[in-house]
Amino acid sequence: HQYHDPAAFCFANKDYDGKPTNVGIQMDVDEFFVTLCDKLETTLKSTNNQNLLKQIWCGTITNQLICIDCPHYSERDEPFFTLSIEVKGNKNINEALAQYVKGETLEGDNAYFCEKCANHVAALKRSCVKVLPHTLIVHLKRFEFDFDTMHKKKLNDYFEFPLELSMEDFTREGLVRQEAGLLSKSKANQQQFTNTDNTNNDNNNSNNNNNNNNNNN
């Protein structure tokens, strides 16, 4: 088995007081990663590789507001280095990613004000991946705040992930394709229902005509 001894890294990675990494302190991985990236970006600013981290880890998330009661929508893009997903309540990474892009419906007192309609409308608010980075880092949210103890606690829930992961269903393009497919299926079902209804009406009319002919005879 191959392994990497992190002792040299822990000694070289100093905290804000100039002390080596304290391996006895448990830290949220995303918090540690952000702190590390800040240090690396500061160091790289004076070199020819100042955009190195962005080239490796940076992708784009789009925050969408899709109106349900009207055809309007808005999008706002932002860069990301890590994709944070919920561990609690999910059995695997696909369930967590599906929850991430599901979003929430804004309606009632929380309805979205559509500037183009100048009216409050129901809308879907969600985030999804617009541009994947060269190397995707997925952060599992294993810490939550315990209001009883007023401290963070770690979630040790079992969580599965595959050796290969398809991100298509969680991207902007993938969601557009899925929703277009559902719309086409819905229209097809509606058309089938209409055709069936018309056929039943034709049969009923035919039976009525036959009954009328029999009565005349």
N, C-alpha and C. Protein backbone atom coordinates (compact mmCIF):
# COMPACT_ATOMS: atom_id res chain seq x y z
N HIS A 1 0.84 -1.19 0.00
CA HIS A 1 0.00 0.00 0.00
C HIS A 1 0.89 1.25 0.00
N GLN A 2 0.57 2.18 -0.91
CA GLN A 2 1.31 3.43 -0.95
C GLN A 2 0.61 4.46 -0.06
N TYR A 3 1.37 5.32 0.54
CA TYR A 3 0.79 6.37 1.36
C TYR A 3 1.71 7.58 1.31
N HIS A 4 1.18 8.69 1.77
CA HIS A 4 1.97 9.92 1.82
C HIS A 4 2.08 10.39 3.26
N ASP A 5 3.27 10.65 3.69
CA ASP A 5 3.51 11.14 5.04
C ASP A 5 3.34 12.67 5.03
N PRO A 6 2.31 13.22 5.70
CA PRO A 6 2.05 14.66 5.65
C PRO A 6 2.85 15.47 6.68
N ALA A 7 3.80 14.84 7.36
CA ALA A 7 4.52 15.53 8.43
C ALA A 7 5.21 16.80 7.92
N ALA A 8 5.87 16.71 6.76
CA ALA A 8 6.58 17.88 6.22
C ALA A 8 5.60 18.99 5.85
N PHE A 9 4.46 18.61 5.29
CA PHE A 9 3.45 19.61 4.92
C PHE A 9 2.90 20.29 6.17
N CYS A 10 2.58 19.50 7.20
CA CYS A 10 2.03 20.07 8.43
C CYS A 10 3.01 21.05 9.08
N PHE A 11 4.28 20.77 8.95
CA PHE A 11 5.29 21.66 9.54
C PHE A 11 5.42 22.94 8.70
N ALA A 12 5.32 22.79 7.36
CA ALA A 12 5.47 23.95 6.48
C ALA A 12 4.23 24.84 6.47
N ASN A 13 3.06 24.25 6.69
CA ASN A 13 1.82 25.02 6.67
C ASN A 13 1.59 25.68 8.03
N LYS A 14 1.94 26.93 8.13
CA LYS A 14 1.85 27.67 9.40
C LYS A 14 0.48 28.32 9.56
N ASP A 15 0.03 28.45 10.81
CA ASP A 15 -1.21 29.18 11.08
C ASP A 15 -0.91 30.67 11.14
N TYR A 16 -1.92 31.46 11.52
CA TYR A 16 -1.73 32.92 11.52
C TYR A 16 -0.76 33.40 12.59
N ASP A 17 -0.47 32.53 13.55
CA ASP A 17 0.52 32.86 14.58
C ASP A 17 1.92 32.37 14.21
N GLY A 18 2.03 31.75 13.02
CA GLY A 18 3.33 31.27 12.57
C GLY A 18 3.69 29.90 13.12
N LYS A 19 2.72 29.21 13.69
CA LYS A 19 2.97 27.89 14.25
C LYS A 19 2.56 26.81 13.25
N PRO A 20 3.26 25.65 13.27
CA PRO A 20 2.91 24.54 12.36
C PRO A 20 1.49 24.04 12.62
N THR A 21 0.93 23.33 11.65
CA THR A 21 -0.42 22.78 11.77
C THR A 21 -0.53 21.87 12.99
N ASN A 22 -1.52 22.13 13.81
CA ASN A 22 -1.76 21.30 14.99
C ASN A 22 -2.64 20.13 14.57
N VAL A 23 -2.06 18.95 14.41
CA VAL A 23 -2.81 17.79 13.94
C VAL A 23 -3.79 17.26 14.99
N GLY A 24 -3.73 17.78 16.18
CA GLY A 24 -4.65 17.35 17.24
C GLY A 24 -5.98 18.08 17.21
N ILE A 25 -6.07 19.12 16.37
CA ILE A 25 -7.31 19.89 16.26
C ILE A 25 -8.08 19.44 15.03
N GLN A 26 -9.32 18.99 15.24
CA GLN A 26 -10.16 18.56 14.13
C GLN A 26 -10.82 19.79 13.51
N MET A 27 -10.66 19.91 12.19
CA MET A 27 -11.14 21.11 11.49
C MET A 27 -12.00 20.71 10.30
N ASP A 28 -13.02 21.51 10.02
CA ASP A 28 -13.84 21.26 8.84
C ASP A 28 -12.97 21.33 7.60
N VAL A 29 -13.09 20.33 6.73
CA VAL A 29 -12.20 20.23 5.58
C VAL A 29 -12.35 21.41 4.63
N ASP A 30 -13.58 21.92 4.48
CA ASP A 30 -13.79 23.05 3.58
C ASP A 30 -13.14 24.31 4.13
N GLU A 31 -13.25 24.50 5.43
CA GLU A 31 -12.61 25.65 6.08
C GLU A 31 -11.09 25.57 5.92
N PHE A 32 -10.55 24.37 6.12
CA PHE A 32 -9.10 24.18 5.97
C PHE A 32 -8.67 24.43 4.53
N PHE A 33 -9.46 23.92 3.57
CA PHE A 33 -9.11 24.07 2.16
C PHE A 33 -9.13 25.54 1.72
N VAL A 34 -10.15 26.27 2.17
CA VAL A 34 -10.25 27.70 1.83
C VAL A 34 -9.06 28.47 2.39
N THR A 35 -8.71 28.17 3.63
CA THR A 35 -7.55 28.83 4.26
C THR A 35 -6.27 28.53 3.50
N LEU A 36 -6.10 27.26 3.10
CA LEU A 36 -4.92 26.85 2.36
C LEU A 36 -4.85 27.54 1.01
N CYS A 37 -6.00 27.62 0.31
CA CYS A 37 -6.02 28.27 -1.01
C CYS A 37 -5.70 29.75 -0.90
N ASP A 38 -6.19 30.40 0.15
CA ASP A 38 -5.88 31.83 0.35
C ASP A 38 -4.37 32.04 0.49
N LYS A 39 -3.73 31.14 1.24
CA LYS A 39 -2.27 31.25 1.42
C LYS A 39 -1.54 31.02 0.10
N LEU A 40 -1.99 30.00 -0.64
CA LEU A 40 -1.34 29.68 -1.91
C LEU A 40 -1.52 30.80 -2.94
N GLU A 41 -2.74 31.37 -3.00
CA GLU A 41 -2.99 32.46 -3.95
C GLU A 41 -2.14 33.68 -3.62
N THR A 42 -1.98 33.95 -2.34
CA THR A 42 -1.14 35.08 -1.92
C THR A 42 0.31 34.85 -2.34
N THR A 43 0.78 33.62 -2.18
CA THR A 43 2.16 33.29 -2.56
C THR A 43 2.35 33.33 -4.07
N LEU A 44 1.32 32.88 -4.83
CA LEU A 44 1.43 32.79 -6.29
C LEU A 44 1.28 34.14 -7.00
N LYS A 45 0.81 35.15 -6.30
CA LYS A 45 0.58 36.46 -6.92
C LYS A 45 1.85 37.04 -7.53
N SER A 46 2.98 36.76 -6.93
CA SER A 46 4.25 37.33 -7.40
C SER A 46 4.95 36.42 -8.40
N THR A 47 4.24 35.40 -8.92
CA THR A 47 4.84 34.47 -9.87
C THR A 47 4.07 34.49 -11.19
N ASN A 48 4.55 33.70 -12.14
CA ASN A 48 3.85 33.59 -13.43
C ASN A 48 2.67 32.62 -13.37
N ASN A 49 2.47 32.00 -12.21
CA ASN A 49 1.39 31.02 -12.05
C ASN A 49 0.29 31.54 -11.12
N GLN A 50 0.00 32.83 -11.20
CA GLN A 50 -0.96 33.41 -10.27
C GLN A 50 -2.39 32.88 -10.46
N ASN A 51 -2.69 32.34 -11.65
CA ASN A 51 -4.03 31.79 -11.92
C ASN A 51 -4.04 30.25 -11.86
N LEU A 52 -3.00 29.67 -11.30
CA LEU A 52 -2.86 28.21 -11.29
C LEU A 52 -4.02 27.52 -10.59
N LEU A 53 -4.42 28.00 -9.42
CA LEU A 53 -5.49 27.35 -8.67
C LEU A 53 -6.82 27.43 -9.41
N LYS A 54 -7.07 28.58 -10.04
CA LYS A 54 -8.32 28.74 -10.80
C LYS A 54 -8.36 27.79 -12.00
N GLN A 55 -7.21 27.58 -12.62
CA GLN A 55 -7.16 26.68 -13.78
C GLN A 55 -7.43 25.23 -13.37
N ILE A 56 -7.10 24.88 -12.14
CA ILE A 56 -7.26 23.50 -11.69
C ILE A 56 -8.63 23.27 -11.05
N TRP A 57 -9.02 24.13 -10.12
CA TRP A 57 -10.17 23.85 -9.26
C TRP A 57 -11.38 24.75 -9.48
N CYS A 58 -11.25 25.81 -10.24
CA CYS A 58 -12.34 26.79 -10.30
C CYS A 58 -13.38 26.44 -11.37
N GLY A 59 -14.64 26.39 -10.97
CA GLY A 59 -15.75 26.21 -11.89
C GLY A 59 -16.73 27.35 -11.71
N THR A 60 -17.91 27.23 -12.33
CA THR A 60 -18.92 28.27 -12.24
C THR A 60 -20.27 27.68 -11.84
N ILE A 61 -20.87 28.28 -10.83
CA ILE A 61 -22.22 27.93 -10.41
C ILE A 61 -23.16 29.04 -10.88
N THR A 62 -24.34 28.66 -11.35
CA THR A 62 -25.34 29.66 -11.72
C THR A 62 -26.51 29.57 -10.74
N ASN A 63 -26.89 30.72 -10.21
CA ASN A 63 -28.04 30.81 -9.30
C ASN A 63 -29.24 31.27 -10.12
N GLN A 64 -30.26 30.44 -10.16
CA GLN A 64 -31.41 30.70 -11.03
C GLN A 64 -32.66 31.06 -10.24
N LEU A 65 -33.45 31.95 -10.85
CA LEU A 65 -34.79 32.25 -10.38
C LEU A 65 -35.70 32.05 -11.59
N ILE A 66 -36.47 30.97 -11.58
CA ILE A 66 -37.30 30.61 -12.73
C ILE A 66 -38.76 30.81 -12.36
N CYS A 67 -39.41 31.76 -12.99
CA CYS A 67 -40.81 32.05 -12.69
C CYS A 67 -41.70 30.91 -13.16
N ILE A 68 -42.66 30.54 -12.31
CA ILE A 68 -43.61 29.47 -12.63
C ILE A 68 -44.87 30.04 -13.27
N ASP A 69 -45.28 31.22 -12.81
CA ASP A 69 -46.52 31.83 -13.30
C ASP A 69 -46.33 32.69 -14.54
N CYS A 70 -45.08 32.85 -14.98
CA CYS A 70 -44.80 33.64 -16.19
C CYS A 70 -43.54 33.06 -16.84
N PRO A 71 -43.21 33.45 -18.07
CA PRO A 71 -42.08 32.83 -18.77
C PRO A 71 -40.71 33.42 -18.45
N HIS A 72 -40.62 34.29 -17.47
CA HIS A 72 -39.37 35.00 -17.21
C HIS A 72 -38.47 34.25 -16.23
N TYR A 73 -37.16 34.54 -16.31
CA TYR A 73 -36.20 33.95 -15.39
C TYR A 73 -34.95 34.83 -15.33
N SER A 74 -34.16 34.64 -14.30
CA SER A 74 -32.90 35.38 -14.16
C SER A 74 -31.82 34.43 -13.67
N GLU A 75 -30.58 34.73 -14.02
CA GLU A 75 -29.44 33.91 -13.61
C GLU A 75 -28.30 34.81 -13.14
N ARG A 76 -27.59 34.33 -12.14
CA ARG A 76 -26.41 35.03 -11.65
C ARG A 76 -25.29 34.01 -11.45
N ASP A 77 -24.17 34.23 -12.11
CA ASP A 77 -23.05 33.29 -12.05
C ASP A 77 -22.06 33.68 -10.96
N GLU A 78 -21.43 32.65 -10.38
CA GLU A 78 -20.37 32.90 -9.40
C GLU A 78 -19.36 31.75 -9.45
N PRO A 79 -18.09 32.06 -9.23
CA PRO A 79 -17.06 31.01 -9.27
C PRO A 79 -17.10 30.17 -7.99
N PHE A 80 -16.62 28.92 -8.09
CA PHE A 80 -16.53 28.07 -6.91
C PHE A 80 -15.30 27.18 -7.01
N PHE A 81 -14.74 26.85 -5.86
CA PHE A 81 -13.61 25.93 -5.76
C PHE A 81 -14.06 24.58 -5.22
N THR A 82 -15.09 24.59 -4.37
CA THR A 82 -15.62 23.35 -3.81
C THR A 82 -17.14 23.35 -3.94
N LEU A 83 -17.70 22.18 -4.13
CA LEU A 83 -19.14 22.01 -4.21
C LEU A 83 -19.58 21.35 -2.90
N SER A 84 -20.28 22.11 -2.05
CA SER A 84 -20.67 21.62 -0.73
C SER A 84 -22.04 20.96 -0.78
N ILE A 85 -22.11 19.70 -0.34
CA ILE A 85 -23.38 18.96 -0.37
C ILE A 85 -23.67 18.37 1.01
N GLU A 86 -24.97 18.14 1.26
CA GLU A 86 -25.41 17.66 2.56
C GLU A 86 -25.21 16.14 2.70
N VAL A 87 -24.65 15.75 3.83
CA VAL A 87 -24.53 14.32 4.17
C VAL A 87 -25.79 13.86 4.89
N LYS A 88 -26.27 14.69 5.79
CA LYS A 88 -27.43 14.32 6.61
C LYS A 88 -28.67 14.13 5.75
N GLY A 89 -29.30 12.97 5.89
CA GLY A 89 -30.52 12.69 5.16
C GLY A 89 -30.31 12.11 3.77
N ASN A 90 -29.06 11.91 3.38
CA ASN A 90 -28.75 11.34 2.06
C ASN A 90 -27.88 10.10 2.20
N LYS A 91 -28.17 9.09 1.38
CA LYS A 91 -27.42 7.83 1.45
C LYS A 91 -26.15 7.86 0.61
N ASN A 92 -26.15 8.68 -0.46
CA ASN A 92 -25.00 8.69 -1.36
C ASN A 92 -24.86 10.05 -2.04
N ILE A 93 -23.80 10.17 -2.83
CA ILE A 93 -23.47 11.45 -3.43
C ILE A 93 -24.48 11.89 -4.48
N ASN A 94 -25.09 10.92 -5.18
CA ASN A 94 -26.09 11.27 -6.19
C ASN A 94 -27.35 11.86 -5.54
N GLU A 95 -27.78 11.30 -4.41
CA GLU A 95 -28.92 11.84 -3.70
C GLU A 95 -28.62 13.26 -3.20
N ALA A 96 -27.40 13.46 -2.70
CA ALA A 96 -27.02 14.77 -2.16
C ALA A 96 -26.95 15.82 -3.28
N LEU A 97 -26.42 15.43 -4.43
CA LEU A 97 -26.34 16.35 -5.57
C LEU A 97 -27.73 16.68 -6.10
N ALA A 98 -28.62 15.68 -6.11
CA ALA A 98 -29.99 15.91 -6.55
C ALA A 98 -30.69 16.90 -5.62
N GLN A 99 -30.41 16.77 -4.32
CA GLN A 99 -30.97 17.70 -3.35
C GLN A 99 -30.40 19.10 -3.56
N TYR A 100 -29.13 19.17 -3.92
CA TYR A 100 -28.45 20.46 -4.14
C TYR A 100 -29.12 21.25 -5.26
N VAL A 101 -29.45 20.58 -6.37
CA VAL A 101 -30.01 21.29 -7.53
C VAL A 101 -31.53 21.39 -7.48
N LYS A 102 -32.17 20.71 -6.51
CA LYS A 102 -33.64 20.73 -6.42
C LYS A 102 -34.16 22.13 -6.15
N GLY A 103 -33.49 22.84 -5.27
CA GLY A 103 -33.90 24.20 -4.96
C GLY A 103 -35.16 24.27 -4.12
N GLU A 104 -35.79 25.46 -4.10
CA GLU A 104 -37.00 25.66 -3.33
C GLU A 104 -37.97 26.54 -4.11
N THR A 105 -39.25 26.36 -3.83
CA THR A 105 -40.28 27.14 -4.50
C THR A 105 -40.65 28.35 -3.65
N LEU A 106 -40.58 29.52 -4.24
CA LEU A 106 -40.96 30.76 -3.57
C LEU A 106 -42.40 31.07 -3.94
N GLU A 107 -43.28 31.07 -2.96
CA GLU A 107 -44.70 31.31 -3.23
C GLU A 107 -45.37 31.90 -2.01
N GLY A 108 -46.64 32.29 -2.16
CA GLY A 108 -47.38 32.86 -1.04
C GLY A 108 -46.74 34.17 -0.58
N ASP A 109 -46.54 34.29 0.74
CA ASP A 109 -45.92 35.51 1.29
C ASP A 109 -44.47 35.65 0.86
N ASN A 110 -43.87 34.53 0.44
CA ASN A 110 -42.45 34.54 0.03
C ASN A 110 -42.30 34.54 -1.49
N ALA A 111 -43.36 34.92 -2.20
CA ALA A 111 -43.33 34.91 -3.67
C ALA A 111 -42.30 35.89 -4.20
N TYR A 112 -41.80 35.58 -5.39
CA TYR A 112 -40.76 36.39 -6.03
C TYR A 112 -41.39 37.55 -6.80
N PHE A 113 -40.80 38.75 -6.66
CA PHE A 113 -41.30 39.90 -7.41
C PHE A 113 -40.63 39.94 -8.78
N CYS A 114 -41.41 39.66 -9.80
CA CYS A 114 -40.89 39.67 -11.17
C CYS A 114 -40.94 41.11 -11.70
N GLU A 115 -39.78 41.68 -11.97
CA GLU A 115 -39.72 43.06 -12.43
C GLU A 115 -40.34 43.23 -13.81
N LYS A 116 -40.26 42.20 -14.64
CA LYS A 116 -40.80 42.30 -16.00
C LYS A 116 -42.33 42.28 -15.98
N CYS A 117 -42.88 41.53 -15.02
CA CYS A 117 -44.34 41.48 -14.90
C CYS A 117 -44.86 42.53 -13.91
N ALA A 118 -43.94 43.07 -13.10
CA ALA A 118 -44.31 44.02 -12.05
C ALA A 118 -45.35 43.39 -11.12
N ASN A 119 -45.07 42.13 -10.76
CA ASN A 119 -46.04 41.40 -9.92
C ASN A 119 -45.32 40.30 -9.14
N HIS A 120 -45.88 39.91 -8.01
CA HIS A 120 -45.34 38.80 -7.24
C HIS A 120 -45.84 37.48 -7.85
N VAL A 121 -44.89 36.59 -8.15
CA VAL A 121 -45.24 35.32 -8.79
C VAL A 121 -44.52 34.17 -8.08
N ALA A 122 -45.05 32.97 -8.24
CA ALA A 122 -44.36 31.77 -7.74
C ALA A 122 -43.14 31.52 -8.60
N ALA A 123 -42.04 31.13 -7.98
CA ALA A 123 -40.80 30.93 -8.73
C ALA A 123 -39.95 29.84 -8.08
N LEU A 124 -39.14 29.20 -8.91
CA LEU A 124 -38.19 28.19 -8.43
C LEU A 124 -36.82 28.84 -8.26
N LYS A 125 -36.29 28.73 -7.05
CA LYS A 125 -34.96 29.26 -6.75
C LYS A 125 -34.01 28.09 -6.57
N ARG A 126 -32.97 28.02 -7.39
CA ARG A 126 -32.04 26.90 -7.29
C ARG A 126 -30.66 27.28 -7.79
N SER A 127 -29.69 26.43 -7.48
CA SER A 127 -28.32 26.58 -7.97
C SER A 127 -27.92 25.30 -8.68
N CYS A 128 -27.12 25.44 -9.72
CA CYS A 128 -26.62 24.27 -10.44
C CYS A 128 -25.27 24.61 -11.06
N VAL A 129 -24.59 23.60 -11.54
CA VAL A 129 -23.25 23.80 -12.11
C VAL A 129 -23.37 24.25 -13.56
N LYS A 130 -22.75 25.36 -13.86
CA LYS A 130 -22.75 25.86 -15.24
C LYS A 130 -21.49 25.43 -15.97
N VAL A 131 -20.34 25.56 -15.30
CA VAL A 131 -19.05 25.15 -15.89
C VAL A 131 -18.31 24.29 -14.87
N LEU A 132 -18.00 23.06 -15.25
CA LEU A 132 -17.24 22.18 -14.36
C LEU A 132 -15.77 22.54 -14.38
N PRO A 133 -15.09 22.45 -13.24
CA PRO A 133 -13.65 22.71 -13.21
C PRO A 133 -12.88 21.52 -13.78
N HIS A 134 -11.58 21.72 -14.01
CA HIS A 134 -10.74 20.63 -14.49
C HIS A 134 -10.72 19.49 -13.47
N THR A 135 -10.64 19.85 -12.19
CA THR A 135 -10.70 18.87 -11.10
C THR A 135 -11.77 19.32 -10.12
N LEU A 136 -12.82 18.49 -9.98
CA LEU A 136 -13.94 18.84 -9.10
C LEU A 136 -13.68 18.36 -7.67
N ILE A 137 -13.83 19.27 -6.73
CA ILE A 137 -13.71 18.93 -5.31
C ILE A 137 -15.10 19.01 -4.69
N VAL A 138 -15.58 17.88 -4.16
CA VAL A 138 -16.88 17.82 -3.52
C VAL A 138 -16.68 17.79 -2.01
N HIS A 139 -17.27 18.77 -1.34
CA HIS A 139 -17.14 18.88 0.11
C HIS A 139 -18.37 18.28 0.77
N LEU A 140 -18.18 17.26 1.61
CA LEU A 140 -19.27 16.64 2.35
C LEU A 140 -19.46 17.38 3.67
N LYS A 141 -20.64 17.91 3.87
CA LYS A 141 -20.94 18.67 5.09
C LYS A 141 -21.13 17.71 6.26
N ARG A 142 -20.05 17.44 6.96
CA ARG A 142 -20.09 16.49 8.08
C ARG A 142 -20.11 17.18 9.43
N PHE A 143 -20.19 18.50 9.44
CA PHE A 143 -20.27 19.22 10.71
C PHE A 143 -21.56 20.03 10.76
N GLU A 144 -22.23 20.00 11.89
CA GLU A 144 -23.41 20.84 12.10
C GLU A 144 -23.36 21.42 13.51
N PHE A 145 -24.06 22.52 13.69
CA PHE A 145 -24.04 23.19 14.99
C PHE A 145 -25.09 22.59 15.91
N ASP A 146 -24.65 22.19 17.10
CA ASP A 146 -25.55 21.62 18.10
C ASP A 146 -25.98 22.74 19.05
N PHE A 147 -27.26 23.11 19.01
CA PHE A 147 -27.74 24.21 19.83
C PHE A 147 -27.88 23.83 21.30
N ASP A 148 -27.84 22.52 21.60
CA ASP A 148 -27.89 22.09 22.99
C ASP A 148 -26.54 22.30 23.68
N THR A 149 -25.48 21.96 22.96
CA THR A 149 -24.14 22.11 23.53
C THR A 149 -23.46 23.40 23.10
N MET A 150 -24.07 24.06 22.06
CA MET A 150 -23.51 25.30 21.49
C MET A 150 -22.12 25.06 20.91
N HIS A 151 -21.92 23.85 20.36
CA HIS A 151 -20.67 23.50 19.69
C HIS A 151 -20.98 22.76 18.39
N LYS A 152 -19.99 22.73 17.52
CA LYS A 152 -20.13 21.94 16.30
C LYS A 152 -19.96 20.46 16.64
N LYS A 153 -20.72 19.62 15.94
CA LYS A 153 -20.54 18.19 16.10
C LYS A 153 -20.40 17.54 14.74
N LYS A 154 -19.68 16.43 14.70
CA LYS A 154 -19.41 15.75 13.44
C LYS A 154 -20.47 14.69 13.16
N LEU A 155 -20.91 14.63 11.90
CA LEU A 155 -21.86 13.61 11.47
C LEU A 155 -21.07 12.42 10.93
N ASN A 156 -21.24 11.27 11.55
CA ASN A 156 -20.52 10.07 11.12
C ASN A 156 -21.41 9.14 10.30
N ASP A 157 -22.43 9.70 9.66
CA ASP A 157 -23.36 8.91 8.85
C ASP A 157 -22.62 8.23 7.69
N TYR A 158 -23.06 7.00 7.38
CA TYR A 158 -22.50 6.27 6.25
C TYR A 158 -22.91 6.97 4.96
N PHE A 159 -21.96 7.12 4.03
CA PHE A 159 -22.23 7.88 2.81
C PHE A 159 -21.47 7.23 1.65
N GLU A 160 -22.22 6.84 0.60
CA GLU A 160 -21.61 6.13 -0.52
C GLU A 160 -21.28 7.08 -1.67
N PHE A 161 -20.22 6.73 -2.40
CA PHE A 161 -19.89 7.46 -3.63
C PHE A 161 -19.24 6.49 -4.61
N PRO A 162 -19.51 6.65 -5.90
CA PRO A 162 -18.97 5.72 -6.91
C PRO A 162 -17.53 6.07 -7.28
N LEU A 163 -16.86 5.14 -7.95
CA LEU A 163 -15.51 5.41 -8.43
C LEU A 163 -15.55 6.36 -9.63
N GLU A 164 -16.64 6.34 -10.37
CA GLU A 164 -16.85 7.27 -11.48
C GLU A 164 -18.16 8.00 -11.26
N LEU A 165 -18.15 9.31 -11.48
CA LEU A 165 -19.33 10.13 -11.21
C LEU A 165 -19.70 10.94 -12.44
N SER A 166 -20.94 10.81 -12.89
CA SER A 166 -21.46 11.63 -13.99
C SER A 166 -22.15 12.85 -13.39
N MET A 167 -21.74 14.04 -13.80
CA MET A 167 -22.30 15.28 -13.27
C MET A 167 -23.38 15.87 -14.18
N GLU A 168 -23.69 15.21 -15.29
CA GLU A 168 -24.58 15.79 -16.29
C GLU A 168 -25.93 16.22 -15.71
N ASP A 169 -26.54 15.36 -14.87
CA ASP A 169 -27.87 15.65 -14.34
C ASP A 169 -27.89 16.84 -13.39
N PHE A 170 -26.72 17.30 -12.98
CA PHE A 170 -26.64 18.38 -11.99
C PHE A 170 -26.08 19.67 -12.58
N THR A 171 -25.95 19.69 -13.92
CA THR A 171 -25.48 20.88 -14.62
C THR A 171 -26.66 21.64 -15.21
N ARG A 172 -26.42 22.87 -15.58
CA ARG A 172 -27.47 23.70 -16.18
C ARG A 172 -27.99 23.04 -17.46
N GLU A 173 -27.07 22.60 -18.32
CA GLU A 173 -27.46 21.97 -19.58
C GLU A 173 -28.24 20.68 -19.33
N GLY A 174 -27.79 19.88 -18.36
CA GLY A 174 -28.45 18.63 -18.06
C GLY A 174 -29.87 18.84 -17.54
N LEU A 175 -30.06 19.84 -16.69
CA LEU A 175 -31.38 20.13 -16.15
C LEU A 175 -32.32 20.63 -17.25
N VAL A 176 -31.79 21.43 -18.17
CA VAL A 176 -32.60 21.92 -19.29
C VAL A 176 -33.09 20.75 -20.13
N ARG A 177 -32.18 19.77 -20.40
CA ARG A 177 -32.56 18.60 -21.19
C ARG A 177 -33.61 17.76 -20.45
N GLN A 178 -33.42 17.57 -19.15
CA GLN A 178 -34.38 16.78 -18.37
C GLN A 178 -35.76 17.43 -18.40
N GLU A 179 -35.81 18.74 -18.19
CA GLU A 179 -37.09 19.44 -18.12
C GLU A 179 -37.76 19.49 -19.49
N ALA A 180 -36.96 19.59 -20.56
CA ALA A 180 -37.52 19.56 -21.91
C ALA A 180 -38.12 18.18 -22.20
N GLY A 181 -37.46 17.12 -21.72
CA GLY A 181 -37.96 15.76 -21.91
C GLY A 181 -39.26 15.54 -21.15
N LEU A 182 -39.33 16.06 -19.90
CA LEU A 182 -40.56 15.92 -19.10
C LEU A 182 -41.71 16.69 -19.74
N LEU A 183 -41.40 17.87 -20.31
CA LEU A 183 -42.43 18.67 -20.97
C LEU A 183 -42.97 17.95 -22.20
N SER A 184 -42.06 17.36 -22.98
CA SER A 184 -42.48 16.62 -24.19
C SER A 184 -43.34 15.42 -23.81
N LYS A 185 -42.94 14.72 -22.74
CA LYS A 185 -43.70 13.55 -22.28
C LYS A 185 -45.08 13.96 -21.80
N SER A 186 -45.13 15.11 -21.09
CA SER A 186 -46.41 15.60 -20.59
C SER A 186 -47.35 15.96 -21.74
N LYS A 187 -46.80 16.60 -22.78
CA LYS A 187 -47.60 16.96 -23.95
C LYS A 187 -48.08 15.72 -24.68
N ALA A 188 -47.20 14.71 -24.77
CA ALA A 188 -47.56 13.46 -25.45
C ALA A 188 -48.70 12.76 -24.70
N ASN A 189 -48.61 12.74 -23.36
CA ASN A 189 -49.66 12.12 -22.55
C ASN A 189 -50.97 12.89 -22.68
N GLN A 190 -50.86 14.23 -22.75
CA GLN A 190 -52.06 15.05 -22.91
C GLN A 190 -52.71 14.79 -24.26
N GLN A 191 -51.86 14.67 -25.30
CA GLN A 191 -52.38 14.39 -26.64
C GLN A 191 -53.04 13.03 -26.70
N GLN A 192 -52.41 12.04 -26.04
CA GLN A 192 -52.97 10.69 -26.00
C GLN A 192 -54.33 10.70 -25.29
N PHE A 193 -54.40 11.47 -24.19
CA PHE A 193 -55.66 11.56 -23.45
C PHE A 193 -56.74 12.21 -24.31
N THR A 194 -56.35 13.25 -25.05
CA THR A 194 -57.31 13.94 -25.92
C THR A 194 -57.81 13.00 -27.02
N ASN A 195 -56.88 12.25 -27.61
CA ASN A 195 -57.26 11.31 -28.66
C ASN A 195 -58.20 10.23 -28.13
N THR A 196 -57.88 9.72 -26.94
CA THR A 196 -58.71 8.69 -26.32
C THR A 196 -60.10 9.23 -26.03
N ASP A 197 -60.13 10.48 -25.54
CA ASP A 197 -61.40 11.11 -25.22
C ASP A 197 -62.24 11.30 -26.48
N ASN A 198 -61.59 11.71 -27.57
CA ASN A 198 -62.29 11.89 -28.83
C ASN A 198 -62.82 10.56 -29.36
N THR A 199 -62.01 9.50 -29.21
CA THR A 199 -62.42 8.17 -29.65
C THR A 199 -63.64 7.70 -28.89
N ASN A 200 -63.65 7.94 -27.56
CA ASN A 200 -64.79 7.56 -26.74
C ASN A 200 -66.04 8.32 -27.16
N ASN A 201 -65.85 9.61 -27.49
CA ASN A 201 -66.99 10.41 -27.92
C ASN A 201 -67.54 9.91 -29.25
N ASP A 202 -66.60 9.55 -30.16
CA ASP A 202 -67.03 9.01 -31.45
C ASP A 202 -67.81 7.71 -31.27
N ASN A 203 -67.33 6.84 -30.36
CA ASN A 203 -68.01 5.58 -30.10
C ASN A 203 -69.39 5.80 -29.50
N ASN A 204 -69.45 6.79 -28.58
CA ASN A 204 -70.74 7.11 -27.97
C ASN A 204 -71.73 7.63 -29.01
N ASN A 205 -71.21 8.51 -29.91
CA ASN A 205 -72.08 9.04 -30.96
C ASN A 205 -72.55 7.94 -31.89
N SER A 206 -71.63 7.00 -32.20
CA SER A 206 -71.97 5.88 -33.07
C SER A 206 -73.04 5.00 -32.43
N ASN A 207 -72.89 4.75 -31.11
CA ASN A 207 -73.88 3.93 -30.40
C ASN A 207 -75.23 4.62 -30.35
N ASN A 208 -75.20 5.95 -30.17
CA ASN A 208 -76.45 6.70 -30.13
C ASN A 208 -77.17 6.65 -31.48
N ASN A 209 -76.39 6.75 -32.57
CA ASN A 209 -76.98 6.70 -33.90
C ASN A 209 -77.60 5.33 -34.17
N ASN A 210 -76.87 4.27 -33.72
CA ASN A 210 -77.39 2.92 -33.91
C ASN A 210 -78.69 2.71 -33.14
N ASN A 211 -78.72 3.27 -31.91
CA ASN A 211 -79.93 3.14 -31.10
C ASN A 211 -81.10 3.87 -31.75
N ASN A 212 -80.80 5.06 -32.33
CA ASN A 212 -81.84 5.82 -32.98
C ASN A 212 -82.38 5.09 -34.19
N ASN A 213 -81.47 4.44 -34.95
CA ASN A 213 -81.90 3.67 -36.13
C ASN A 213 -82.77 2.50 -35.74
N ASN A 214 -82.37 1.82 -34.64
CA ASN A 214 -83.16 0.69 -34.17
C ASN A 214 -84.57 1.12 -33.73
N ASN A 215 -84.60 2.30 -33.07
CA ASN A 215 -85.90 2.79 -32.62
C ASN A 215 -86.80 3.14 -33.81
N ASN A 216 -86.16 3.70 -34.86
CA ASN A 216 -86.94 4.05 -36.05
C ASN A 216 -87.47 2.81 -36.74
N ASN A 217 -86.66 1.74 -36.72
CA ASN A 217 -87.13 0.50 -37.34
C ASN A 217 -88.27 -0.10 -36.53
